[in-house]
Amino acid sequence: MAAASSSDSDACGAESNEANSKWLDAHYDPMANIHTFSACLALADLHGDGEYKLVVGDLGPGGQQPRLKVLKGPLVMTESPLPALPAAAATFLMEQHEPRTPALALASGPCVYVYKNLRPYFKFSLPQLPPNPLEQDLWNQAKEDRIDPLTLKEMLESIRETAEEPLSIQSLRFLQLELSEMEAFVNQHKSNSIKRQTVITTMTTLKKNLADEDAVSCLVLGTENKELLVLDPEAFTILAKMSLPSVPVFLEVSGQFDVEFRLAAACRNGNIYILRRDSKHPKYCIELSAQPVGLIRTLAVPCQGKKLWTVQMPAAILTMNLLEQHSRGLQAVMAGLANGEVRIYRDKALLNVIHTPDAVTSLCFGRYGREDNTLIMTTRGGGLIIKILKRTAVFVEGGSEVGPPPAQAMKLNVPRKTRLYVDQTLREREAGTAMHRAFQTDLYLLRLRAARAYLQALESSLSPLSTTAREPLKLHAVVQGLGPTFKLTLHLQNTSTTRPVLGLLVCFLYNEALYSLPRAFFKVPLLVPGLNYPLETFVESLSNKGISDIIKVLVLREGQSAPLLSAHVNMPGSEGLAAA
């Protein structure tokens, strides 16, 4: 009886949780064998019959055997192998002709495979990059049998460590071989031309000229060589090319290509870059404190790059995506966490928490089959979870009140206006013109005095930079030590590009009652252009009262009394004598 009552209570608890949940459990298959991430999921009516299918770019178990899968309901409808791991999947309209069925684009390796009616339609390949000249020269020498495979390997490894451009696929494969396999590989491939091919890292769609949901869209590609490409939807030619400081991994766009658009790219260096139409380089940069795992325009990309708020999660975020419920005008962010939770946020407010049997690695929300609001999730172990949002479900912000925050109704403690403030305000109103004229007069006098002082410094060579074209010099002095003995280092540099300087002298002017120098006058060696010459000497402090003074350093030309340039060194107080 006790066991029966316990099972009855568990069943009642499960039924109550199901009743209180906003989601219906449509399907769960822990053995679906789907390994993917959010960028490789897409929902679309591929045949124009009103039945939306799920497109999956499957990486395969362990990143082996990548495949393109199309699901109808819980079953796999079609499945085809891919030549490389998928990077992103997207559906878009290529033309306005009837029937208006969307095309499927799948980015894999250096190519974008376009399907119409689930049949191969077009393959776009990224343009090849110019090879490294040093790498090309090495393979030419190997072709002529002028270097052996071991030397070729050493030189290629040196190029890979120092060059900014990556090596070609042929060279990278050669470097992975054992010593016994190198000679056969060189004999087989030495006649082949060196080709350097980049790959696609991310992809999204951008409306061409209309903002309608069923308008023609362009494909936007992010590549491994830090570029963004916009493709024409009909001819698949490159319409625009933009450069980034790092490799893009997530893309979000808004607007139309022919009118105005903004593009946000999250990159591997942890920054988000904002680009606009007709801009070849980013306009703004948002620096993040950690690597991004997702990018959603309404949440993560404010226009000025200023962080508005932060929400702390109970576990690491594995994936993100947008939840958009058109019937209620709701836009929220879904975040899959490592602890098996899927949290839904609108701004900072938590709307809902979904608990899953395994950590979720990809999320997709939209119309699936005949249902408008369907949530599709894949788990770390390859499982597939499908949930349907109840038609009566309403998301309410937990723990928040409707209307403005309570702090908005609090009155600020503003101090009362004093009599002095009122009198000063009346004075500014009455004599505003005269006060402005007096301010302008003082400003002009300040600028005049600054210009005179600068001219005097140039004429008397009081500047550490020489202004004459014959002796272009730069002087910098550094004092080291605590005292009573200091080390004075003069850094003298010839800023000319071609002509050396010879015949210079250095002279020190100082108070002999306070300081002692072993040499107050010495010659300067030949100054080669562009090199920094450190000239060292020692300064002995003679005062036991902690008094410090200025030491003047003059650089002169032999036979001339006027210095070429000078510097005033503010000597520090001698801490050694002060302590004594």
Protein backbone atom coordinates (compact mmCIF):
# COMPACT_ATOMS: atom_id res chain seq x y z
CA MET A 1 0.00 0.00 0.00
CA ALA A 2 2.85 2.37 0.80
CA ALA A 3 4.54 1.70 -2.56
CA ALA A 4 1.29 2.20 -4.42
CA SER A 5 0.61 5.50 -2.68
CA SER A 6 4.17 6.68 -3.45
CA SER A 7 3.81 5.89 -7.18
CA ASP A 8 0.44 7.61 -7.24
CA SER A 9 1.96 10.76 -5.71
CA ASP A 10 4.80 10.77 -8.26
CA ALA A 11 2.32 10.43 -11.11
CA CYS A 12 0.22 13.27 -9.71
CA GLY A 13 3.37 15.45 -9.42
CA ALA A 14 4.31 14.74 -13.03
CA GLU A 15 0.79 15.55 -14.19
CA SER A 16 0.78 18.83 -12.24
CA ASN A 17 4.16 19.84 -13.75
CA GLU A 18 2.85 19.02 -17.22
CA ALA A 19 -0.27 21.11 -16.56
CA ASN A 20 1.70 24.11 -15.29
CA SER A 21 4.25 23.97 -18.13
CA LYS A 22 3.94 26.30 -21.10
CA TRP A 23 5.22 23.59 -23.46
CA LEU A 24 3.84 20.37 -24.87
CA ASP A 25 6.30 17.48 -25.21
CA ALA A 26 5.94 16.54 -28.87
CA HIS A 27 8.96 14.26 -29.33
CA TYR A 28 12.10 13.11 -27.57
CA ASP A 29 14.60 10.68 -29.09
CA PRO A 30 17.89 10.33 -27.17
CA MET A 31 19.27 8.13 -29.98
CA ALA A 32 18.53 10.45 -32.92
CA ASN A 33 22.27 10.70 -33.67
CA ILE A 34 22.15 14.43 -34.55
CA HIS A 35 25.31 16.37 -33.66
CA THR A 36 25.10 20.00 -34.68
CA PHE A 37 24.90 23.58 -33.42
CA SER A 38 22.39 26.40 -33.81
CA ALA A 39 23.90 27.92 -36.98
CA CYS A 40 23.34 24.63 -38.85
CA LEU A 41 19.58 24.44 -38.12
CA ALA A 42 16.96 26.00 -40.39
CA LEU A 43 13.17 25.75 -40.78
CA ALA A 44 11.60 26.29 -44.21
CA ASP A 45 8.76 25.29 -46.52
CA LEU A 46 11.04 23.65 -49.05
CA HIS A 47 8.28 22.35 -51.37
CA GLY A 48 5.75 25.19 -51.11
CA ASP A 49 3.04 22.91 -49.65
CA GLY A 50 2.77 24.65 -46.27
CA GLU A 51 4.64 21.83 -44.52
CA TYR A 52 7.77 23.22 -42.88
CA LYS A 53 10.79 20.91 -42.68
CA LEU A 54 13.85 20.98 -40.47
CA VAL A 55 17.21 21.26 -42.24
CA VAL A 56 20.19 19.99 -40.24
CA GLY A 57 23.86 20.27 -41.12
CA ASP A 58 24.99 17.24 -39.10
CA LEU A 59 28.65 17.07 -38.07
CA GLY A 60 28.39 13.37 -37.34
CA PRO A 61 29.65 11.57 -34.22
CA GLY A 62 33.10 12.89 -33.35
CA GLY A 63 33.13 15.21 -36.37
CA GLN A 64 33.22 12.24 -38.75
CA GLN A 65 30.85 11.57 -41.67
CA PRO A 66 29.15 15.00 -41.97
CA ARG A 67 25.73 14.82 -43.59
CA LEU A 68 22.83 17.00 -44.70
CA LYS A 69 19.60 15.81 -43.11
CA VAL A 70 16.03 16.99 -43.75
CA LEU A 71 13.46 16.04 -41.11
CA LYS A 72 9.70 15.93 -41.49
CA GLY A 73 8.20 15.60 -38.06
CA PRO A 74 10.36 13.26 -35.98
CA LEU A 75 11.61 11.28 -39.00
CA VAL A 76 14.54 11.86 -41.35
CA MET A 77 13.10 12.42 -44.82
CA THR A 78 16.33 12.73 -46.85
CA GLU A 79 19.99 12.35 -46.02
CA SER A 80 23.07 13.05 -48.15
CA PRO A 81 26.81 13.12 -47.35
CA LEU A 82 28.86 16.32 -47.28
CA PRO A 83 32.49 16.70 -48.41
CA ALA A 84 33.44 18.75 -45.34
CA LEU A 85 32.08 19.80 -41.97
CA PRO A 86 29.12 22.21 -42.26
CA ALA A 87 29.57 25.77 -40.99
CA ALA A 88 26.03 27.18 -41.38
CA ALA A 89 22.66 26.54 -43.02
CA ALA A 90 20.16 29.14 -44.25
CA THR A 91 17.04 29.33 -46.40
CA PHE A 92 16.37 32.27 -48.70
CA LEU A 93 14.36 33.34 -51.75
CA MET A 94 16.44 33.67 -54.90
CA GLU A 95 13.81 35.14 -57.24
CA GLN A 96 10.29 36.53 -57.36
CA HIS A 97 8.93 34.00 -59.85
CA GLU A 98 6.17 31.59 -58.94
CA PRO A 99 6.15 29.17 -57.25
CA ARG A 100 7.87 31.05 -54.46
CA THR A 101 9.74 28.18 -52.82
CA PRO A 102 12.85 29.04 -50.80
CA ALA A 103 16.27 27.70 -51.65
CA LEU A 104 18.54 26.01 -49.14
CA ALA A 105 22.13 27.17 -48.73
CA LEU A 106 24.64 25.08 -46.81
CA ALA A 107 28.18 26.37 -46.15
CA SER A 108 30.75 23.60 -45.98
CA GLY A 109 34.50 24.08 -46.35
CA PRO A 110 35.27 26.61 -49.13
CA CYS A 111 31.89 26.14 -50.87
CA VAL A 112 28.23 27.07 -50.52
CA TYR A 113 25.90 24.35 -51.79
CA VAL A 114 22.52 25.65 -52.96
CA TYR A 115 19.55 23.29 -53.20
CA LYS A 116 16.11 23.86 -54.74
CA ASN A 117 13.38 21.32 -54.02
CA LEU A 118 16.09 19.39 -52.16
CA ARG A 119 18.03 18.90 -55.39
CA PRO A 120 21.52 20.32 -56.05
CA TYR A 121 21.14 23.61 -57.91
CA PHE A 122 24.43 25.54 -57.68
CA LYS A 123 27.82 25.38 -55.98
CA PHE A 124 29.64 28.61 -55.16
CA SER A 125 33.35 28.32 -54.37
CA LEU A 126 35.38 31.00 -52.65
CA PRO A 127 38.04 32.62 -54.86
CA GLN A 128 41.50 31.21 -54.37
CA LEU A 129 44.11 33.22 -52.51
CA PRO A 130 47.60 33.96 -53.83
CA PRO A 131 50.16 31.50 -52.41
CA ASN A 132 53.11 32.50 -50.27
CA PRO A 133 56.02 33.37 -52.65
CA LEU A 134 58.56 31.61 -50.41
CA GLU A 135 56.43 28.47 -50.30
CA GLN A 136 56.03 28.57 -54.09
CA ASP A 137 59.79 28.91 -54.54
CA LEU A 138 60.46 25.91 -52.28
CA TRP A 139 58.14 23.65 -54.25
CA ASN A 140 59.71 24.86 -57.50
CA GLN A 141 63.10 23.85 -56.12
CA ALA A 142 61.68 20.46 -55.12
CA LYS A 143 60.28 20.07 -58.63
CA GLU A 144 63.78 20.58 -60.03
CA ASP A 145 65.29 18.21 -57.40
CA ARG A 146 67.45 20.98 -55.93
CA ILE A 147 66.42 20.30 -52.30
CA ASP A 148 65.70 17.06 -50.49
CA PRO A 149 62.40 16.38 -48.60
CA LEU A 150 63.97 16.88 -45.16
CA THR A 151 65.21 20.37 -46.09
CA LEU A 152 61.83 21.14 -47.62
CA LYS A 153 60.12 20.20 -44.36
CA GLU A 154 62.44 22.40 -42.27
CA MET A 155 61.94 25.41 -44.55
CA LEU A 156 58.15 24.98 -44.63
CA GLU A 157 58.03 24.78 -40.83
CA SER A 158 60.06 27.99 -40.64
CA ILE A 159 57.63 29.72 -43.00
CA ARG A 160 54.63 28.49 -41.01
CA GLU A 161 56.05 29.95 -37.78
CA THR A 162 57.03 33.36 -39.19
CA ALA A 163 54.68 34.16 -42.08
CA GLU A 164 51.31 35.80 -41.49
CA GLU A 165 49.70 33.91 -44.38
CA PRO A 166 48.90 30.23 -43.71
CA LEU A 167 50.42 27.52 -45.84
CA SER A 168 48.58 25.69 -48.59
CA ILE A 169 46.80 22.39 -48.01
CA GLN A 170 49.54 20.55 -49.90
CA SER A 171 52.26 21.89 -47.59
CA LEU A 172 50.24 21.24 -44.44
CA ARG A 173 49.65 17.63 -45.48
CA PHE A 174 53.35 17.23 -46.24
CA LEU A 175 54.32 18.45 -42.76
CA GLN A 176 52.10 15.79 -41.16
CA LEU A 177 53.85 12.89 -42.90
CA GLU A 178 56.48 10.60 -41.47
CA LEU A 179 60.05 10.77 -42.82
CA SER A 180 59.62 7.58 -44.84
CA GLU A 181 56.52 8.93 -46.62
CA MET A 182 57.89 12.34 -47.58
CA GLU A 183 59.81 11.40 -50.71
CA ALA A 184 56.85 9.61 -52.31
CA PHE A 185 54.59 12.56 -51.50
CA VAL A 186 57.02 15.05 -53.05
CA ASN A 187 57.37 12.98 -56.22
CA GLN A 188 53.60 12.75 -56.53
CA HIS A 189 52.74 16.42 -55.90
CA LYS A 190 55.79 18.44 -56.92
CA SER A 191 54.35 19.09 -60.37
CA ASN A 192 51.06 20.40 -58.98
CA SER A 193 50.54 24.13 -58.70
CA ILE A 194 50.31 25.56 -55.18
CA LYS A 195 46.76 26.56 -54.29
CA ARG A 196 45.73 28.35 -51.10
CA GLN A 197 42.04 28.09 -50.34
CA THR A 198 40.18 29.70 -47.45
CA VAL A 199 37.03 28.27 -45.84
CA ILE A 200 33.67 29.64 -44.71
CA THR A 201 33.25 30.13 -40.97
CA THR A 202 29.72 31.62 -40.78
CA MET A 203 26.80 32.58 -43.01
CA THR A 204 23.54 34.52 -42.82
CA THR A 205 21.04 36.23 -45.15
CA LEU A 206 20.42 39.90 -45.96
CA LYS A 207 17.33 41.31 -47.71
CA LYS A 208 18.13 42.59 -51.20
CA ASN A 209 15.82 45.60 -51.65
CA LEU A 210 12.62 44.95 -49.69
CA ALA A 211 12.01 44.35 -45.99
CA ASP A 212 9.12 41.91 -46.56
CA GLU A 213 9.35 38.45 -45.05
CA ASP A 214 9.10 36.82 -48.50
CA ALA A 215 11.55 39.21 -50.22
CA VAL A 216 14.64 38.18 -52.15
CA SER A 217 17.72 37.84 -49.94
CA CYS A 218 21.49 37.84 -50.43
CA LEU A 219 23.91 35.48 -48.77
CA VAL A 220 26.52 36.99 -46.42
CA LEU A 221 29.61 34.84 -45.85
CA GLY A 222 32.38 35.11 -43.26
CA THR A 223 35.68 33.52 -44.23
CA GLU A 224 38.83 32.30 -42.49
CA ASN A 225 40.93 35.03 -44.12
CA LYS A 226 39.05 37.74 -42.13
CA GLU A 227 36.67 38.85 -44.90
CA LEU A 228 32.92 39.27 -45.36
CA LEU A 229 31.38 38.58 -48.76
CA VAL A 230 27.87 39.51 -49.96
CA LEU A 231 26.63 37.31 -52.82
CA ASP A 232 24.07 38.12 -55.49
CA PRO A 233 21.06 35.77 -55.06
CA GLU A 234 20.67 35.08 -58.80
CA ALA A 235 24.14 35.13 -60.40
CA PHE A 236 26.04 34.26 -57.18
CA THR A 237 28.67 36.91 -57.88
CA ILE A 238 30.37 38.91 -55.13
CA LEU A 239 28.47 42.20 -54.66
CA ALA A 240 30.55 43.55 -51.76
CA LYS A 241 33.69 42.60 -49.87
CA MET A 242 34.62 43.85 -46.39
CA SER A 243 37.66 43.24 -44.19
CA LEU A 244 37.76 42.51 -40.46
CA PRO A 245 40.62 42.52 -37.91
CA SER A 246 39.84 38.91 -36.96
CA VAL A 247 38.02 35.81 -38.20
CA PRO A 248 34.20 36.15 -37.95
CA VAL A 249 32.28 33.37 -36.18
CA PHE A 250 28.77 34.86 -35.80
CA LEU A 251 26.87 37.28 -38.03
CA GLU A 252 23.73 39.39 -37.58
CA VAL A 253 22.35 41.80 -40.21
CA SER A 254 19.52 44.33 -40.48
CA GLY A 255 18.23 46.45 -43.35
CA GLN A 256 18.44 45.93 -47.12
CA PHE A 257 21.54 45.69 -49.27
CA ASP A 258 20.35 48.18 -51.93
CA VAL A 259 19.10 50.73 -49.36
CA GLU A 260 20.99 50.67 -46.05
CA PHE A 261 22.12 47.88 -43.80
CA ARG A 262 24.14 47.20 -40.67
CA LEU A 263 26.18 44.10 -40.12
CA ALA A 264 27.46 42.87 -36.75
CA ALA A 265 30.27 40.30 -36.73
CA ALA A 266 31.46 38.54 -33.58
CA CYS A 267 35.07 37.47 -34.11
CA ARG A 268 37.56 35.08 -32.56
CA ASN A 269 39.46 37.87 -30.84
CA GLY A 270 36.47 38.43 -28.54
CA ASN A 271 35.25 41.63 -30.23
CA ILE A 272 32.08 42.54 -32.11
CA TYR A 273 32.54 44.79 -35.14
CA ILE A 274 29.77 46.90 -36.74
CA LEU A 275 29.83 47.62 -40.47
CA ARG A 276 27.54 49.73 -42.61
CA ARG A 277 26.79 49.94 -46.30
CA ASP A 278 29.71 51.10 -48.48
CA SER A 279 32.18 50.59 -45.62
CA LYS A 280 35.16 48.34 -46.30
CA HIS A 281 36.26 48.29 -42.66
CA PRO A 282 34.38 48.26 -39.31
CA LYS A 283 32.88 51.51 -38.06
CA TYR A 284 32.53 50.50 -34.40
CA CYS A 285 34.06 47.89 -32.11
CA ILE A 286 32.54 46.31 -28.98
CA GLU A 287 35.11 44.63 -26.73
CA LEU A 288 33.85 41.62 -24.79
CA SER A 289 35.30 40.18 -21.59
CA ALA A 290 34.99 36.60 -22.86
CA GLN A 291 34.62 34.67 -26.09
CA PRO A 292 31.10 34.90 -27.59
CA VAL A 293 28.97 31.75 -27.98
CA GLY A 294 26.14 33.46 -29.87
CA LEU A 295 25.01 36.76 -31.32
CA ILE A 296 21.49 38.17 -31.41
CA ARG A 297 21.01 41.67 -32.75
CA THR A 298 18.27 42.84 -30.38
CA LEU A 299 20.34 41.87 -27.34
CA ALA A 300 24.04 42.00 -28.10
CA VAL A 301 24.62 44.90 -30.49
CA PRO A 302 23.80 48.39 -29.17
CA CYS A 303 24.75 51.06 -31.70
CA GLN A 304 27.40 52.89 -29.67
CA GLY A 305 29.11 49.76 -28.35
CA LYS A 306 28.19 50.47 -24.71
CA LYS A 307 27.32 47.61 -22.39
CA LEU A 308 23.82 48.18 -21.07
CA TRP A 309 23.49 45.29 -18.62
CA THR A 310 24.77 41.81 -17.79
CA VAL A 311 22.88 38.71 -16.64
CA GLN A 312 24.77 36.10 -14.65
CA MET A 313 23.95 32.47 -15.49
CA PRO A 314 24.09 29.49 -13.12
CA ALA A 315 26.21 27.55 -15.66
CA ALA A 316 28.23 28.09 -18.82
CA ILE A 317 26.27 29.07 -21.94
CA LEU A 318 26.60 26.53 -24.76
CA THR A 319 24.32 28.06 -27.39
CA MET A 320 21.93 30.96 -28.02
CA ASN A 321 19.10 31.76 -30.41
CA LEU A 322 16.11 34.04 -30.87
CA LEU A 323 12.56 33.18 -29.84
CA GLU A 324 10.11 35.25 -31.85
CA GLN A 325 6.36 34.77 -31.27
CA HIS A 326 4.66 36.86 -33.98
CA SER A 327 1.11 36.39 -32.65
CA ARG A 328 1.96 38.14 -29.37
CA GLY A 329 4.77 40.37 -30.61
CA LEU A 330 7.29 38.69 -28.31
CA GLN A 331 11.02 38.68 -28.88
CA ALA A 332 13.14 36.81 -26.36
CA VAL A 333 16.53 35.15 -26.11
CA MET A 334 16.98 31.43 -25.53
CA ALA A 335 20.19 30.28 -23.85
CA GLY A 336 21.18 26.63 -23.51
CA LEU A 337 23.29 26.01 -20.40
CA ALA A 338 25.75 23.28 -19.50
CA ASN A 339 23.62 22.18 -16.51
CA GLY A 340 20.78 21.00 -18.78
CA GLU A 341 18.66 24.14 -18.59
CA VAL A 342 17.27 26.29 -21.38
CA ARG A 343 16.54 29.79 -20.10
CA ILE A 344 14.35 32.30 -21.92
CA TYR A 345 14.96 36.00 -21.27
CA ARG A 346 13.35 39.21 -22.44
CA ASP A 347 15.97 41.87 -21.77
CA LYS A 348 17.02 41.10 -18.17
CA ALA A 349 13.78 39.43 -17.12
CA LEU A 350 13.64 35.64 -16.88
CA LEU A 351 10.49 34.36 -18.61
CA ASN A 352 10.81 30.59 -18.52
CA VAL A 353 13.18 27.72 -17.66
CA ILE A 354 13.10 24.39 -19.52
CA HIS A 355 14.86 21.39 -17.97
CA THR A 356 16.29 18.83 -20.40
CA PRO A 357 17.79 15.35 -19.80
CA ASP A 358 21.09 16.40 -21.39
CA ALA A 359 22.92 19.64 -22.13
CA VAL A 360 21.48 21.39 -25.20
CA THR A 361 23.96 22.29 -27.97
CA SER A 362 21.59 23.82 -30.56
CA LEU A 363 18.27 25.68 -30.49
CA CYS A 364 15.77 26.62 -33.19
CA PHE A 365 12.30 28.19 -32.80
CA GLY A 366 9.69 28.73 -35.49
CA ARG A 367 7.09 27.04 -37.65
CA TYR A 368 7.60 23.28 -37.99
CA GLY A 369 5.10 21.12 -39.80
CA ARG A 370 1.79 22.92 -39.25
CA GLU A 371 2.61 24.36 -35.84
CA ASP A 372 3.70 28.01 -35.63
CA ASN A 373 5.57 27.98 -32.30
CA THR A 374 7.81 24.93 -32.14
CA LEU A 375 11.05 24.65 -30.21
CA ILE A 376 13.64 22.21 -31.55
CA MET A 377 16.67 21.25 -29.46
CA THR A 378 19.55 18.85 -29.97
CA THR A 379 21.62 17.58 -27.06
CA ARG A 380 25.28 16.87 -26.50
CA GLY A 381 24.70 13.12 -26.78
CA GLY A 382 22.98 13.42 -30.17
CA GLY A 383 19.38 13.48 -28.92
CA LEU A 384 16.47 15.39 -30.49
CA ILE A 385 13.84 17.22 -28.42
CA ILE A 386 10.75 18.86 -29.97
CA LYS A 387 8.40 20.98 -27.86
CA ILE A 388 5.31 22.96 -28.92
CA LEU A 389 4.31 26.18 -27.17
CA LYS A 390 0.77 26.04 -25.86
CA ARG A 391 -1.66 28.42 -27.54
CA THR A 392 -2.78 29.66 -24.10
CA ALA A 393 0.77 30.19 -22.82
CA VAL A 394 1.66 33.72 -21.78
CA PHE A 395 5.17 34.60 -20.69
CA VAL A 396 5.23 36.73 -17.52
CA GLU A 397 8.41 38.27 -16.18
CA GLY A 398 9.21 36.54 -12.93
CA GLY A 399 9.45 38.76 -9.85
CA SER A 400 8.88 42.00 -11.74
CA GLU A 401 6.12 44.57 -11.55
CA VAL A 402 4.21 46.07 -14.43
CA GLY A 403 5.07 49.69 -15.10
CA PRO A 404 8.09 51.84 -14.25
CA PRO A 405 10.56 50.69 -11.58
CA PRO A 406 10.00 51.90 -7.99
CA ALA A 407 13.21 53.94 -8.04
CA GLN A 408 11.68 56.19 -10.68
CA ALA A 409 9.09 57.51 -8.17
CA MET A 410 11.71 58.50 -5.57
CA LYS A 411 12.39 62.23 -5.31
CA LEU A 412 15.96 63.43 -5.50
CA ASN A 413 17.37 65.41 -2.60
CA VAL A 414 18.14 68.58 -4.61
CA PRO A 415 19.65 71.40 -2.47
CA ARG A 416 17.75 74.71 -2.28
CA LYS A 417 18.91 77.67 -4.33
CA THR A 418 20.96 80.07 -2.24
CA ARG A 419 20.96 83.87 -2.46
CA LEU A 420 24.48 83.80 -3.92
CA TYR A 421 23.33 81.44 -6.71
CA VAL A 422 20.40 83.70 -7.60
CA ASP A 423 22.58 86.83 -7.66
CA GLN A 424 25.17 85.11 -9.85
CA THR A 425 22.45 83.97 -12.28
CA LEU A 426 21.07 87.53 -12.58
CA ARG A 427 24.58 88.86 -13.16
CA GLU A 428 25.19 86.36 -15.95
CA ARG A 429 21.92 87.34 -17.62
CA GLU A 430 22.64 91.07 -17.48
CA ALA A 431 26.36 91.08 -18.32
CA GLY A 432 26.57 87.95 -20.45
CA THR A 433 27.97 89.75 -23.52
CA ALA A 434 30.68 91.57 -21.54
CA MET A 435 31.71 88.36 -19.76
CA HIS A 436 32.01 86.52 -23.06
CA ARG A 437 34.17 89.32 -24.54
CA ALA A 438 36.45 89.29 -21.51
CA PHE A 439 36.82 85.52 -21.80
CA GLN A 440 37.68 85.77 -25.51
CA THR A 441 40.26 88.51 -24.81
CA ASP A 442 41.99 86.41 -22.15
CA LEU A 443 41.93 83.38 -24.46
CA TYR A 444 43.59 85.33 -27.31
CA LEU A 445 46.25 86.67 -24.92
CA LEU A 446 46.96 83.15 -23.67
CA ARG A 447 47.42 81.88 -27.23
CA LEU A 448 49.70 84.81 -28.05
CA ARG A 449 51.91 84.21 -25.02
CA ALA A 450 52.11 80.50 -25.81
CA ALA A 451 53.14 81.26 -29.41
CA ARG A 452 55.81 83.74 -28.26
CA ALA A 453 57.19 81.26 -25.74
CA TYR A 454 57.31 78.54 -28.41
CA LEU A 455 59.09 80.84 -30.86
CA GLN A 456 61.61 81.84 -28.20
CA ALA A 457 62.28 78.18 -27.41
CA LEU A 458 62.90 77.46 -31.09
CA GLU A 459 65.22 80.43 -31.55
CA SER A 460 67.26 79.65 -28.43
CA SER A 461 67.28 75.87 -29.03
CA LEU A 462 65.52 75.17 -25.73
CA SER A 463 63.58 72.31 -27.26
CA PRO A 464 64.71 68.64 -27.10
CA LEU A 465 63.90 68.38 -30.82
CA SER A 466 66.06 70.06 -33.46
CA THR A 467 64.14 72.07 -36.07
CA THR A 468 67.00 72.53 -38.55
CA ALA A 469 67.13 70.30 -41.61
CA ARG A 470 70.92 70.05 -41.40
CA GLU A 471 71.01 68.45 -37.93
CA PRO A 472 67.70 66.62 -37.37
CA LEU A 473 68.23 65.41 -33.80
CA LYS A 474 66.13 64.22 -30.87
CA LEU A 475 67.30 64.22 -27.23
CA HIS A 476 65.80 62.37 -24.27
CA ALA A 477 67.27 62.18 -20.74
CA VAL A 478 66.63 59.55 -18.03
CA VAL A 479 67.79 59.71 -14.38
CA GLN A 480 68.19 56.50 -12.36
CA GLY A 481 69.14 55.91 -8.73
CA LEU A 482 68.25 56.92 -5.19
CA GLY A 483 71.33 58.96 -4.43
CA PRO A 484 73.77 60.31 -3.62
CA THR A 485 75.08 58.92 -6.94
CA PHE A 486 72.71 59.08 -9.90
CA LYS A 487 73.06 57.61 -13.35
CA LEU A 488 72.16 60.10 -16.09
CA THR A 489 71.53 58.57 -19.52
CA LEU A 490 71.13 60.75 -22.61
CA HIS A 491 69.36 59.14 -25.56
CA LEU A 492 70.49 60.98 -28.68
CA GLN A 493 69.00 60.03 -32.04
CA ASN A 494 69.59 61.16 -35.60
CA THR A 495 66.10 61.45 -37.16
CA SER A 496 67.42 61.87 -40.68
CA THR A 497 66.70 59.09 -43.17
CA THR A 498 69.93 59.12 -45.18
CA ARG A 499 72.63 61.45 -43.82
CA PRO A 500 74.74 60.71 -40.71
CA VAL A 501 75.74 63.47 -38.27
CA LEU A 502 79.34 64.05 -37.10
CA GLY A 503 81.18 66.63 -35.01
CA LEU A 504 78.74 67.10 -32.10
CA LEU A 505 79.52 67.99 -28.49
CA VAL A 506 77.56 67.53 -25.26
CA CYS A 507 77.88 70.07 -22.44
CA PHE A 508 76.36 70.02 -18.93
CA LEU A 509 75.52 73.25 -17.04
CA TYR A 510 74.86 72.74 -13.32
CA ASN A 511 75.36 74.19 -9.84
CA GLU A 512 78.80 73.01 -8.79
CA ALA A 513 77.88 73.46 -5.12
CA LEU A 514 75.16 70.82 -5.43
CA TYR A 515 76.43 68.37 -8.04
CA SER A 516 79.66 66.93 -9.36
CA LEU A 517 80.14 65.25 -12.76
CA PRO A 518 83.26 63.38 -13.91
CA ARG A 519 82.96 64.92 -17.39
CA ALA A 520 80.98 68.08 -18.03
CA PHE A 521 81.99 68.20 -21.69
CA PHE A 522 82.60 65.38 -24.19
CA LYS A 523 82.39 64.55 -27.87
CA VAL A 524 79.60 62.54 -29.50
CA PRO A 525 80.48 59.71 -31.90
CA LEU A 526 79.12 59.45 -35.42
CA LEU A 527 75.30 59.24 -35.36
CA VAL A 528 73.89 56.79 -37.88
CA PRO A 529 70.33 57.63 -39.05
CA GLY A 530 67.53 55.94 -37.13
CA LEU A 531 69.63 54.50 -34.27
CA ASN A 532 69.25 55.49 -30.62
CA TYR A 533 72.63 56.24 -28.92
CA PRO A 534 72.64 56.04 -25.08
CA LEU A 535 75.30 58.33 -23.57
CA GLU A 536 75.82 57.58 -19.88
CA THR A 537 77.44 59.59 -17.08
CA PHE A 538 77.23 59.71 -13.29
CA VAL A 539 76.07 62.64 -11.16
CA GLU A 540 77.24 62.97 -7.53
CA SER A 541 74.96 64.91 -5.15
CA LEU A 542 77.05 67.05 -2.77
CA SER A 543 74.28 68.50 -0.60
CA ASN A 544 73.28 66.76 2.61
CA LYS A 545 70.05 68.81 2.97
CA GLY A 546 68.09 67.00 0.27
CA ILE A 547 68.17 70.01 -2.10
CA SER A 548 67.69 69.30 -5.81
CA ASP A 549 68.26 71.49 -8.86
CA ILE A 550 68.11 71.47 -12.65
CA ILE A 551 70.94 70.24 -14.87
CA LYS A 552 70.95 71.72 -18.36
CA VAL A 553 72.12 69.49 -21.22
CA LEU A 554 73.30 71.26 -24.39
CA VAL A 555 74.12 69.65 -27.74
CA LEU A 556 76.46 71.86 -29.81
CA ARG A 557 78.21 71.79 -33.15
CA GLU A 558 82.00 72.19 -33.13
CA GLY A 559 82.93 75.81 -33.78
CA GLN A 560 79.45 77.19 -32.92
CA SER A 561 78.36 78.80 -29.66
CA ALA A 562 74.59 78.47 -30.16
CA PRO A 563 73.29 75.03 -29.08
CA LEU A 564 71.44 72.85 -31.54
CA LEU A 565 69.05 71.57 -28.90
CA SER A 566 68.85 71.44 -25.12
CA ALA A 567 67.09 69.67 -22.29
CA HIS A 568 66.44 70.55 -18.66
CA VAL A 569 66.80 67.58 -16.32
CA ASN A 570 64.92 67.91 -13.01
CA MET A 571 67.15 66.01 -10.61
CA PRO A 572 65.41 64.14 -7.76
CA GLY A 573 66.29 64.62 -4.14
CA SER A 574 69.02 62.38 -2.77
CA GLU A 575 67.27 59.88 -0.51
CA GLY A 576 70.57 58.37 0.60
CA LEU A 577 71.84 61.67 2.09
CA ALA A 578 68.42 62.48 3.53
CA ALA A 579 68.34 59.14 5.37
CA ALA A 580 71.86 59.70 6.68
